[in-house]
Amino acid sequence: MKQCIFEHSCNCPCNAEKDLESSDNVYIFLQELYGDLAILSREKYNINDLECAYCLIKSALETVKLNKQKYSRRKIYSLTTAKNRITEFFLEQTLDRIRNFIYS
């Protein structure tokens, strides 16, 4: 994920990403997987879940950009906000791990 966040290049051919790409509506697919994207909770996900969520939402945004007429601005905004929050959660958990390592 560090490479995905900082270099914006992520190549993880997992089944969830393949299912996302073949779904009719990527927003609904992500909602079914993660629930309401507007209220993501940092306590709900561990660092591996955040990495996967980031990759999926990034792929969803790329799909949405190619087909903007299918998705409302509100949904595009929601996906963008979710991606930013997941990035923030991941970085916070990484910093917590570093702090724990240093101070233990």
PDB file of N, CA and C in Angstrom:
ATOM      1  N   MET A   1       0.823  -1.201   0.000  1.00  0.00           N
ATOM      2  CA  MET A   1       0.000   0.000   0.000  1.00  0.00           C
ATOM      3  C   MET A   1       0.858   1.252   0.000  1.00  0.00           C
ATOM      4  N   LYS A   2       1.979   1.230   0.711  1.00  0.00           N
ATOM      5  CA  LYS A   2       2.829   2.413   0.721  1.00  0.00           C
ATOM      6  C   LYS A   2       3.170   2.807  -0.708  1.00  0.00           C
ATOM      7  N   GLN A   3       3.472   1.827  -1.539  1.00  0.00           N
ATOM      8  CA  GLN A   3       3.759   2.132  -2.931  1.00  0.00           C
ATOM      9  C   GLN A   3       2.509   2.689  -3.610  1.00  0.00           C
ATOM     10  N   CYS A   4       1.349   2.121  -3.317  1.00  0.00           N
ATOM     11  CA  CYS A   4       0.108   2.584  -3.936  1.00  0.00           C
ATOM     12  C   CYS A   4      -0.197   4.029  -3.551  1.00  0.00           C
ATOM     13  N   ILE A   5      -0.010   4.376  -2.305  1.00  0.00           N
ATOM     14  CA  ILE A   5      -0.349   5.713  -1.838  1.00  0.00           C
ATOM     15  C   ILE A   5       0.620   6.742  -2.378  1.00  0.00           C
ATOM     16  N   PHE A   6       1.882   6.478  -2.273  1.00  0.00           N
ATOM     17  CA  PHE A   6       2.872   7.494  -2.593  1.00  0.00           C
ATOM     18  C   PHE A   6       3.256   7.533  -4.066  1.00  0.00           C
ATOM     19  N   GLU A   7       3.148   6.438  -4.761  1.00  0.00           N
ATOM     20  CA  GLU A   7       3.529   6.419  -6.166  1.00  0.00           C
ATOM     21  C   GLU A   7       2.328   6.285  -7.094  1.00  0.00           C
ATOM     22  N   HIS A   8       1.158   6.081  -6.532  1.00  0.00           N
ATOM     23  CA  HIS A   8      -0.082   5.940  -7.295  1.00  0.00           C
ATOM     24  C   HIS A   8      -0.005   4.826  -8.334  1.00  0.00           C
ATOM     25  N   SER A   9       0.747   3.786  -8.026  1.00  0.00           N
ATOM     26  CA  SER A   9       0.789   2.623  -8.911  1.00  0.00           C
ATOM     27  C   SER A   9       0.574   1.382  -8.056  1.00  0.00           C
ATOM     28  N   CYS A  10      -0.514   0.730  -8.305  1.00  0.00           N
ATOM     29  CA  CYS A  10      -0.861  -0.436  -7.505  1.00  0.00           C
ATOM     30  C   CYS A  10      -1.276  -1.548  -8.448  1.00  0.00           C
ATOM     31  N   ASN A  11      -0.704  -2.707  -8.290  1.00  0.00           N
ATOM     32  CA  ASN A  11      -1.036  -3.821  -9.156  1.00  0.00           C
ATOM     33  C   ASN A  11      -1.324  -5.043  -8.294  1.00  0.00           C
ATOM     34  N   CYS A  12      -2.560  -5.175  -7.900  1.00  0.00           N
ATOM     35  CA  CYS A  12      -2.935  -6.331  -7.066  1.00  0.00           C
ATOM     36  C   CYS A  12      -4.120  -7.036  -7.723  1.00  0.00           C
ATOM     37  N   PRO A  13      -3.877  -8.029  -8.530  1.00  0.00           N
ATOM     38  CA  PRO A  13      -4.955  -8.717  -9.242  1.00  0.00           C
ATOM     39  C   PRO A  13      -5.696  -9.714  -8.344  1.00  0.00           C
ATOM     40  N   CYS A  14      -6.460  -9.210  -7.397  1.00  0.00           N
ATOM     41  CA  CYS A  14      -7.196 -10.095  -6.490  1.00  0.00           C
ATOM     42  C   CYS A  14      -8.606 -10.341  -7.031  1.00  0.00           C
ATOM     43  N   ASN A  15      -9.287 -11.301  -6.437  1.00  0.00           N
ATOM     44  CA  ASN A  15     -10.637 -11.633  -6.883  1.00  0.00           C
ATOM     45  C   ASN A  15     -11.612 -10.486  -6.662  1.00  0.00           C
ATOM     46  N   ALA A  16     -11.461  -9.765  -5.552  1.00  0.00           N
ATOM     47  CA  ALA A  16     -12.366  -8.647  -5.274  1.00  0.00           C
ATOM     48  C   ALA A  16     -12.222  -7.566  -6.341  1.00  0.00           C
ATOM     49  N   GLU A  17     -10.995  -7.294  -6.760  1.00  0.00           N
ATOM     50  CA  GLU A  17     -10.788  -6.277  -7.800  1.00  0.00           C
ATOM     51  C   GLU A  17     -11.377  -6.741  -9.128  1.00  0.00           C
ATOM     52  N   LYS A  18     -11.228  -8.002  -9.447  1.00  0.00           N
ATOM     53  CA  LYS A  18     -11.819  -8.540 -10.678  1.00  0.00           C
ATOM     54  C   LYS A  18     -13.340  -8.459 -10.627  1.00  0.00           C
ATOM     55  N   ASP A  19     -13.919  -8.778  -9.460  1.00  0.00           N
ATOM     56  CA  ASP A  19     -15.372  -8.667  -9.295  1.00  0.00           C
ATOM     57  C   ASP A  19     -15.828  -7.214  -9.414  1.00  0.00           C
ATOM     58  N   LEU A  20     -15.051  -6.303  -8.847  1.00  0.00           N
ATOM     59  CA  LEU A  20     -15.362  -4.881  -8.934  1.00  0.00           C
ATOM     60  C   LEU A  20     -15.384  -4.442 -10.392  1.00  0.00           C
ATOM     61  N   GLU A  21     -14.376  -4.814 -11.133  1.00  0.00           N
ATOM     62  CA  GLU A  21     -14.278  -4.419 -12.537  1.00  0.00           C
ATOM     63  C   GLU A  21     -15.411  -4.987 -13.384  1.00  0.00           C
ATOM     64  N   SER A  22     -15.926  -6.152 -13.017  1.00  0.00           N
ATOM     65  CA  SER A  22     -17.003  -6.760 -13.799  1.00  0.00           C
ATOM     66  C   SER A  22     -18.399  -6.387 -13.289  1.00  0.00           C
ATOM     67  N   SER A  23     -18.466  -5.627 -12.201  1.00  0.00           N
ATOM     68  CA  SER A  23     -19.785  -5.259 -11.654  1.00  0.00           C
ATOM     69  C   SER A  23     -20.426  -4.165 -12.500  1.00  0.00           C
ATOM     70  N   ASP A  24     -21.746  -4.099 -12.446  1.00  0.00           N
ATOM     71  CA  ASP A  24     -22.476  -3.075 -13.195  1.00  0.00           C
ATOM     72  C   ASP A  24     -22.317  -1.695 -12.576  1.00  0.00           C
ATOM     73  N   ASN A  25     -22.195  -1.656 -11.248  1.00  0.00           N
ATOM     74  CA  ASN A  25     -22.091  -0.384 -10.550  1.00  0.00           C
ATOM     75  C   ASN A  25     -21.046  -0.530  -9.443  1.00  0.00           C
ATOM     76  N   VAL A  26     -19.891   0.104  -9.624  1.00  0.00           N
ATOM     77  CA  VAL A  26     -18.802  -0.053  -8.661  1.00  0.00           C
ATOM     78  C   VAL A  26     -19.147   0.546  -7.301  1.00  0.00           C
ATOM     79  N   TYR A  27     -19.947   1.602  -7.303  1.00  0.00           N
ATOM     80  CA  TYR A  27     -20.342   2.233  -6.036  1.00  0.00           C
ATOM     81  C   TYR A  27     -21.176   1.271  -5.192  1.00  0.00           C
ATOM     82  N   ILE A  28     -22.139   0.636  -5.808  1.00  0.00           N
ATOM     83  CA  ILE A  28     -22.990  -0.332  -5.085  1.00  0.00           C
ATOM     84  C   ILE A  28     -22.147  -1.529  -4.643  1.00  0.00           C
ATOM     85  N   PHE A  29     -21.228  -1.978  -5.488  1.00  0.00           N
ATOM     86  CA  PHE A  29     -20.347  -3.085  -5.128  1.00  0.00           C
ATOM     87  C   PHE A  29     -19.582  -2.755  -3.845  1.00  0.00           C
ATOM     88  N   LEU A  30     -19.002  -1.561  -3.776  1.00  0.00           N
ATOM     89  CA  LEU A  30     -18.235  -1.166  -2.589  1.00  0.00           C
ATOM     90  C   LEU A  30     -19.131  -0.991  -1.369  1.00  0.00           C
ATOM     91  N   GLN A  31     -20.337  -0.486  -1.569  1.00  0.00           N
ATOM     92  CA  GLN A  31     -21.263  -0.346  -0.448  1.00  0.00           C
ATOM     93  C   GLN A  31     -21.635  -1.708   0.125  1.00  0.00           C
ATOM     94  N   GLU A  32     -21.838  -2.677  -0.737  1.00  0.00           N
ATOM     95  CA  GLU A  32     -22.157  -4.027  -0.263  1.00  0.00           C
ATOM     96  C   GLU A  32     -20.973  -4.630   0.493  1.00  0.00           C
ATOM     97  N   LEU A  33     -19.777  -4.289   0.082  1.00  0.00           N
ATOM     98  CA  LEU A  33     -18.575  -4.829   0.705  1.00  0.00           C
ATOM     99  C   LEU A  33     -18.224  -4.123   2.011  1.00  0.00           C
ATOM    100  N   TYR A  34     -18.320  -2.792   2.034  1.00  0.00           N
ATOM    101  CA  TYR A  34     -17.862  -2.005   3.185  1.00  0.00           C
ATOM    102  C   TYR A  34     -18.963  -1.264   3.935  1.00  0.00           C
ATOM    103  N   GLY A  35     -20.177  -1.304   3.444  1.00  0.00           N
ATOM    104  CA  GLY A  35     -21.246  -0.540   4.092  1.00  0.00           C
ATOM    105  C   GLY A  35     -21.225   0.902   3.596  1.00  0.00           C
ATOM    106  N   ASP A  36     -21.780   1.786   4.377  1.00  0.00           N
ATOM    107  CA  ASP A  36     -21.875   3.192   3.997  1.00  0.00           C
ATOM    108  C   ASP A  36     -20.486   3.812   3.928  1.00  0.00           C
ATOM    109  N   LEU A  37     -20.075   4.222   2.754  1.00  0.00           N
ATOM    110  CA  LEU A  37     -18.735   4.767   2.558  1.00  0.00           C
ATOM    111  C   LEU A  37     -18.547   6.114   3.249  1.00  0.00           C
ATOM    112  N   ALA A  38     -19.645   6.786   3.560  1.00  0.00           N
ATOM    113  CA  ALA A  38     -19.560   8.101   4.205  1.00  0.00           C
ATOM    114  C   ALA A  38     -19.196   7.992   5.684  1.00  0.00           C
ATOM    115  N   ILE A  39     -19.390   6.820   6.281  1.00  0.00           N
ATOM    116  CA  ILE A  39     -19.124   6.677   7.719  1.00  0.00           C
ATOM    117  C   ILE A  39     -18.133   5.549   8.009  1.00  0.00           C
ATOM    118  N   LEU A  40     -17.087   5.491   7.237  1.00  0.00           N
ATOM    119  CA  LEU A  40     -16.046   4.493   7.500  1.00  0.00           C
ATOM    120  C   LEU A  40     -15.438   4.738   8.875  1.00  0.00           C
ATOM    121  N   SER A  41     -15.213   3.671   9.595  1.00  0.00           N
ATOM    122  CA  SER A  41     -14.663   3.779  10.947  1.00  0.00           C
ATOM    123  C   SER A  41     -13.274   3.161  10.992  1.00  0.00           C
ATOM    124  N   ARG A  42     -12.343   3.893  11.570  1.00  0.00           N
ATOM    125  CA  ARG A  42     -10.964   3.403  11.618  1.00  0.00           C
ATOM    126  C   ARG A  42     -10.830   2.183  12.522  1.00  0.00           C
ATOM    127  N   GLU A  43     -11.655   2.066  13.526  1.00  0.00           N
ATOM    128  CA  GLU A  43     -11.572   0.927  14.450  1.00  0.00           C
ATOM    129  C   GLU A  43     -12.037  -0.370  13.799  1.00  0.00           C
ATOM    130  N   LYS A  44     -12.787  -0.253  12.729  1.00  0.00           N
ATOM    131  CA  LYS A  44     -13.388  -1.415  12.088  1.00  0.00           C
ATOM    132  C   LYS A  44     -12.387  -2.222  11.247  1.00  0.00           C
ATOM    133  N   TYR A  45     -11.286  -1.573  10.809  1.00  0.00           N
ATOM    134  CA  TYR A  45     -10.388  -2.219   9.858  1.00  0.00           C
ATOM    135  C   TYR A  45      -8.966  -2.293  10.375  1.00  0.00           C
ATOM    136  N   ASN A  46      -8.327  -3.428  10.110  1.00  0.00           N
ATOM    137  CA  ASN A  46      -6.899  -3.527  10.427  1.00  0.00           C
ATOM    138  C   ASN A  46      -6.105  -3.030   9.217  1.00  0.00           C
ATOM    139  N   ILE A  47      -4.815  -3.031   9.339  1.00  0.00           N
ATOM    140  CA  ILE A  47      -3.969  -2.451   8.295  1.00  0.00           C
ATOM    141  C   ILE A  47      -4.096  -3.201   6.964  1.00  0.00           C
ATOM    142  N   ASN A  48      -4.282  -4.506   7.005  1.00  0.00           N
ATOM    143  CA  ASN A  48      -4.448  -5.272   5.762  1.00  0.00           C
ATOM    144  C   ASN A  48      -5.773  -4.957   5.086  1.00  0.00           C
ATOM    145  N   ASP A  49      -6.838  -4.800   5.888  1.00  0.00           N
ATOM    146  CA  ASP A  49      -8.133  -4.427   5.333  1.00  0.00           C
ATOM    147  C   ASP A  49      -8.072  -3.055   4.674  1.00  0.00           C
ATOM    148  N   LEU A  50      -7.354  -2.134   5.303  1.00  0.00           N
ATOM    149  CA  LEU A  50      -7.224  -0.787   4.753  1.00  0.00           C
ATOM    150  C   LEU A  50      -6.476  -0.805   3.422  1.00  0.00           C
ATOM    151  N   GLU A  51      -5.462  -1.640   3.347  1.00  0.00           N
ATOM    152  CA  GLU A  51      -4.704  -1.756   2.108  1.00  0.00           C
ATOM    153  C   GLU A  51      -5.598  -2.256   0.978  1.00  0.00           C
ATOM    154  N   CYS A  52      -6.392  -3.266   1.267  1.00  0.00           N
ATOM    155  CA  CYS A  52      -7.306  -3.821   0.270  1.00  0.00           C
ATOM    156  C   CYS A  52      -8.375  -2.785  -0.119  1.00  0.00           C
ATOM    157  N   ALA A  53      -8.946  -2.118   0.891  1.00  0.00           N
ATOM    158  CA  ALA A  53      -9.979  -1.113   0.623  1.00  0.00           C
ATOM    159  C   ALA A  53      -9.427   0.009  -0.248  1.00  0.00           C
ATOM    160  N   TYR A  54      -8.210   0.444   0.036  1.00  0.00           N
ATOM    161  CA  TYR A  54      -7.590   1.504  -0.760  1.00  0.00           C
ATOM    162  C   TYR A  54      -7.476   1.070  -2.224  1.00  0.00           C
ATOM    163  N   CYS A  55      -6.982  -0.108  -2.438  1.00  0.00           N
ATOM    164  CA  CYS A  55      -6.798  -0.620  -3.794  1.00  0.00           C
ATOM    165  C   CYS A  55      -8.133  -0.702  -4.532  1.00  0.00           C
ATOM    166  N   LEU A  56      -9.162  -1.205  -3.857  1.00  0.00           N
ATOM    167  CA  LEU A  56     -10.476  -1.339  -4.496  1.00  0.00           C
ATOM    168  C   LEU A  56     -11.090   0.020  -4.809  1.00  0.00           C
ATOM    169  N   ILE A  57     -11.005   0.941  -3.873  1.00  0.00           N
ATOM    170  CA  ILE A  57     -11.597   2.257  -4.105  1.00  0.00           C
ATOM    171  C   ILE A  57     -10.830   2.998  -5.189  1.00  0.00           C
ATOM    172  N   LYS A  58      -9.529   2.831  -5.223  1.00  0.00           N
ATOM    173  CA  LYS A  58      -8.724   3.452  -6.287  1.00  0.00           C
ATOM    174  C   LYS A  58      -9.154   2.893  -7.645  1.00  0.00           C
ATOM    175  N   SER A  59      -9.355   1.601  -7.733  1.00  0.00           N
ATOM    176  CA  SER A  59      -9.825   0.992  -8.987  1.00  0.00           C
ATOM    177  C   SER A  59     -11.216   1.482  -9.349  1.00  0.00           C
ATOM    178  N   ALA A  60     -12.065   1.622  -8.342  1.00  0.00           N
ATOM    179  CA  ALA A  60     -13.420   2.121  -8.579  1.00  0.00           C
ATOM    180  C   ALA A  60     -13.389   3.543  -9.132  1.00  0.00           C
ATOM    181  N   LEU A  61     -12.536   4.380  -8.570  1.00  0.00           N
ATOM    182  CA  LEU A  61     -12.429   5.754  -9.062  1.00  0.00           C
ATOM    183  C   LEU A  61     -11.938   5.793 -10.509  1.00  0.00           C
ATOM    184  N   GLU A  62     -11.020   4.928 -10.855  1.00  0.00           N
ATOM    185  CA  GLU A  62     -10.545   4.871 -12.240  1.00  0.00           C
ATOM    186  C   GLU A  62     -11.678   4.454 -13.176  1.00  0.00           C
ATOM    187  N   THR A  63     -12.493   3.501 -12.743  1.00  0.00           N
ATOM    188  CA  THR A  63     -13.642   3.062 -13.537  1.00  0.00           C
ATOM    189  C   THR A  63     -14.655   4.186 -13.685  1.00  0.00           C
ATOM    190  N   VAL A  64     -14.926   4.891 -12.602  1.00  0.00           N
ATOM    191  CA  VAL A  64     -15.887   5.993 -12.616  1.00  0.00           C
ATOM    192  C   VAL A  64     -15.420   7.111 -13.544  1.00  0.00           C
ATOM    193  N   LYS A  65     -14.129   7.409 -13.530  1.00  0.00           N
ATOM    194  CA  LYS A  65     -13.599   8.472 -14.401  1.00  0.00           C
ATOM    195  C   LYS A  65     -13.804   8.133 -15.881  1.00  0.00           C
ATOM    196  N   LEU A  66     -13.782   6.854 -16.205  1.00  0.00           N
ATOM    197  CA  LEU A  66     -13.989   6.436 -17.591  1.00  0.00           C
ATOM    198  C   LEU A  66     -15.460   6.473 -17.992  1.00  0.00           C
ATOM    199  N   ASN A  67     -16.354   6.492 -17.001  1.00  0.00           N
ATOM    200  CA  ASN A  67     -17.792   6.421 -17.268  1.00  0.00           C
ATOM    201  C   ASN A  67     -18.534   7.421 -16.375  1.00  0.00           C
ATOM    202  N   LYS A  68     -18.160   8.678 -16.451  1.00  0.00           N
ATOM    203  CA  LYS A  68     -18.706   9.709 -15.557  1.00  0.00           C
ATOM    204  C   LYS A  68     -20.212   9.886 -15.680  1.00  0.00           C
ATOM    205  N   GLN A  69     -20.764   9.699 -16.858  1.00  0.00           N
ATOM    206  CA  GLN A  69     -22.193   9.917 -17.030  1.00  0.00           C
ATOM    207  C   GLN A  69     -23.043   8.912 -16.249  1.00  0.00           C
ATOM    208  N   LYS A  70     -22.469   7.790 -15.873  1.00  0.00           N
ATOM    209  CA  LYS A  70     -23.214   6.760 -15.137  1.00  0.00           C
ATOM    210  C   LYS A  70     -23.303   7.061 -13.641  1.00  0.00           C
ATOM    211  N   TYR A  71     -22.376   7.880 -13.115  1.00  0.00           N
ATOM    212  CA  TYR A  71     -22.295   8.130 -11.679  1.00  0.00           C
ATOM    213  C   TYR A  71     -22.508   9.606 -11.371  1.00  0.00           C
ATOM    214  N   SER A  72     -23.267   9.859 -10.326  1.00  0.00           N
ATOM    215  CA  SER A  72     -23.534  11.245  -9.936  1.00  0.00           C
ATOM    216  C   SER A  72     -22.297  11.864  -9.288  1.00  0.00           C
ATOM    217  N   ARG A  73     -22.271  13.176  -9.256  1.00  0.00           N
ATOM    218  CA  ARG A  73     -21.159  13.879  -8.603  1.00  0.00           C
ATOM    219  C   ARG A  73     -21.072  13.491  -7.130  1.00  0.00           C
ATOM    220  N   ARG A  74     -22.212  13.291  -6.521  1.00  0.00           N
ATOM    221  CA  ARG A  74     -22.248  12.914  -5.104  1.00  0.00           C
ATOM    222  C   ARG A  74     -21.534  11.585  -4.863  1.00  0.00           C
ATOM    223  N   LYS A  75     -21.744  10.633  -5.742  1.00  0.00           N
ATOM    224  CA  LYS A  75     -21.096   9.323  -5.583  1.00  0.00           C
ATOM    225  C   LYS A  75     -19.602   9.409  -5.859  1.00  0.00           C
ATOM    226  N   ILE A  76     -19.223  10.215  -6.838  1.00  0.00           N
ATOM    227  CA  ILE A  76     -17.797  10.402  -7.120  1.00  0.00           C
ATOM    228  C   ILE A  76     -17.123  11.071  -5.928  1.00  0.00           C
ATOM    229  N   TYR A  77     -17.791  12.072  -5.363  1.00  0.00           N
ATOM    230  CA  TYR A  77     -17.267  12.754  -4.174  1.00  0.00           C
ATOM    231  C   TYR A  77     -17.141  11.774  -3.006  1.00  0.00           C
ATOM    232  N   SER A  78     -18.142  10.925  -2.831  1.00  0.00           N
ATOM    233  CA  SER A  78     -18.124   9.939  -1.743  1.00  0.00           C
ATOM    234  C   SER A  78     -16.962   8.964  -1.900  1.00  0.00           C
ATOM    235  N   LEU A  79     -16.709   8.502  -3.113  1.00  0.00           N
ATOM    236  CA  LEU A  79     -15.576   7.599  -3.363  1.00  0.00           C
ATOM    237  C   LEU A  79     -14.246   8.291  -3.097  1.00  0.00           C
ATOM    238  N   THR A  80     -14.126   9.530  -3.539  1.00  0.00           N
ATOM    239  CA  THR A  80     -12.898  10.289  -3.321  1.00  0.00           C
ATOM    240  C   THR A  80     -12.654  10.509  -1.836  1.00  0.00           C
ATOM    241  N   THR A  81     -13.693  10.874  -1.114  1.00  0.00           N
ATOM    242  CA  THR A  81     -13.576  11.085   0.327  1.00  0.00           C
ATOM    243  C   THR A  81     -13.214   9.790   1.040  1.00  0.00           C
ATOM    244  N   ALA A  82     -13.830   8.685   0.647  1.00  0.00           N
ATOM    245  CA  ALA A  82     -13.521   7.382   1.259  1.00  0.00           C
ATOM    246  C   ALA A  82     -12.060   7.014   1.012  1.00  0.00           C
ATOM    247  N   LYS A  83     -11.568   7.246  -0.188  1.00  0.00           N
ATOM    248  CA  LYS A  83     -10.158   6.958  -0.499  1.00  0.00           C
ATOM    249  C   LYS A  83      -9.234   7.785   0.389  1.00  0.00           C
ATOM    250  N   ASN A  84      -9.554   9.046   0.552  1.00  0.00           N
ATOM    251  CA  ASN A  84      -8.731   9.916   1.394  1.00  0.00           C
ATOM    252  C   ASN A  84      -8.767   9.487   2.858  1.00  0.00           C
ATOM    253  N   ARG A  85      -9.931   9.105   3.347  1.00  0.00           N
ATOM    254  CA  ARG A  85     -10.051   8.661   4.744  1.00  0.00           C
ATOM    255  C   ARG A  85      -9.298   7.361   4.972  1.00  0.00           C
ATOM    256  N   ILE A  86      -9.406   6.432   4.040  1.00  0.00           N
ATOM    257  CA  ILE A  86      -8.695   5.159   4.169  1.00  0.00           C
ATOM    258  C   ILE A  86      -7.192   5.393   4.169  1.00  0.00           C
ATOM    259  N   THR A  87      -6.723   6.297   3.323  1.00  0.00           N
ATOM    260  CA  THR A  87      -5.302   6.648   3.309  1.00  0.00           C
ATOM    261  C   THR A  87      -4.885   7.201   4.664  1.00  0.00           C
ATOM    262  N   GLU A  88      -5.695   8.084   5.207  1.00  0.00           N
ATOM    263  CA  GLU A  88      -5.413   8.672   6.525  1.00  0.00           C
ATOM    264  C   GLU A  88      -5.377   7.598   7.607  1.00  0.00           C
ATOM    265  N   PHE A  89      -6.356   6.694   7.605  1.00  0.00           N
ATOM    266  CA  PHE A  89      -6.398   5.615   8.601  1.00  0.00           C
ATOM    267  C   PHE A  89      -5.154   4.737   8.497  1.00  0.00           C
ATOM    268  N   PHE A  90      -4.769   4.394   7.260  1.00  0.00           N
ATOM    269  CA  PHE A  90      -3.608   3.544   7.053  1.00  0.00           C
ATOM    270  C   PHE A  90      -2.349   4.218   7.596  1.00  0.00           C
ATOM    271  N   LEU A  91      -2.170   5.479   7.270  1.00  0.00           N
ATOM    272  CA  LEU A  91      -0.986   6.188   7.743  1.00  0.00           C
ATOM    273  C   LEU A  91      -0.972   6.323   9.263  1.00  0.00           C
ATOM    274  N   GLU A  92      -2.133   6.546   9.866  1.00  0.00           N
ATOM    275  CA  GLU A  92      -2.212   6.628  11.333  1.00  0.00           C
ATOM    276  C   GLU A  92      -1.827   5.299  11.972  1.00  0.00           C
ATOM    277  N   GLN A  93      -2.332   4.192  11.419  1.00  0.00           N
ATOM    278  CA  GLN A  93      -1.977   2.884  11.973  1.00  0.00           C
ATOM    279  C   GLN A  93      -0.492   2.588  11.787  1.00  0.00           C
ATOM    280  N   THR A  94       0.059   2.988  10.662  1.00  0.00           N
ATOM    281  CA  THR A  94       1.485   2.789  10.429  1.00  0.00           C
ATOM    282  C   THR A  94       2.304   3.592  11.429  1.00  0.00           C
ATOM    283  N   LEU A  95       1.937   4.843  11.657  1.00  0.00           N
ATOM    284  CA  LEU A  95       2.630   5.671  12.641  1.00  0.00           C
ATOM    285  C   LEU A  95       2.495   5.097  14.053  1.00  0.00           C
ATOM    286  N   ASP A  96       1.323   4.577  14.391  1.00  0.00           N
ATOM    287  CA  ASP A  96       1.141   3.948  15.702  1.00  0.00           C
ATOM    288  C   ASP A  96       2.078   2.753  15.867  1.00  0.00           C
ATOM    289  N   ARG A  97       2.216   1.950  14.826  1.00  0.00           N
ATOM    290  CA  ARG A  97       3.129   0.809  14.892  1.00  0.00           C
ATOM    291  C   ARG A  97       4.565   1.263  15.080  1.00  0.00           C
ATOM    292  N   ILE A  98       4.952   2.316  14.398  1.00  0.00           N
ATOM    293  CA  ILE A  98       6.313   2.848  14.540  1.00  0.00           C
ATOM    294  C   ILE A  98       6.531   3.376  15.964  1.00  0.00           C
ATOM    295  N   ARG A  99       5.559   4.126  16.461  1.00  0.00           N
ATOM    296  CA  ARG A  99       5.662   4.648  17.842  1.00  0.00           C
ATOM    297  C   ARG A  99       5.777   3.521  18.855  1.00  0.00           C
ATOM    298  N   ASN A 100       4.948   2.505  18.698  1.00  0.00           N
ATOM    299  CA  ASN A 100       4.994   1.365  19.607  1.00  0.00           C
ATOM    300  C   ASN A 100       6.340   0.656  19.555  1.00  0.00           C
ATOM    301  N   PHE A 101       6.904   0.544  18.365  1.00  0.00           N
ATOM    302  CA  PHE A 101       8.201  -0.088  18.210  1.00  0.00           C
ATOM    303  C   PHE A 101       9.284   0.746  18.892  1.00  0.00           C
ATOM    304  N   ILE A 102       9.243   2.035  18.690  1.00  0.00           N
ATOM    305  CA  ILE A 102      10.269   2.931  19.255  1.00  0.00           C
ATOM    306  C   ILE A 102      10.194   2.956  20.778  1.00  0.00           C
ATOM    307  N   TYR A 103       8.984   3.040  21.318  1.00  0.00           N
ATOM    308  CA  TYR A 103       8.824   3.235  22.749  1.00  0.00           C
ATOM    309  C   TYR A 103       8.689   1.932  23.539  1.00  0.00           C
ATOM    310  N   SER A 104       8.788   0.812  22.875  1.00  0.00           N
ATOM    311  CA  SER A 104       8.688  -0.454  23.635  1.00  0.00           C
ATOM    312  C   SER A 104      10.021  -1.086  23.864  1.00  0.00           C
TER     313      SER A 104
END
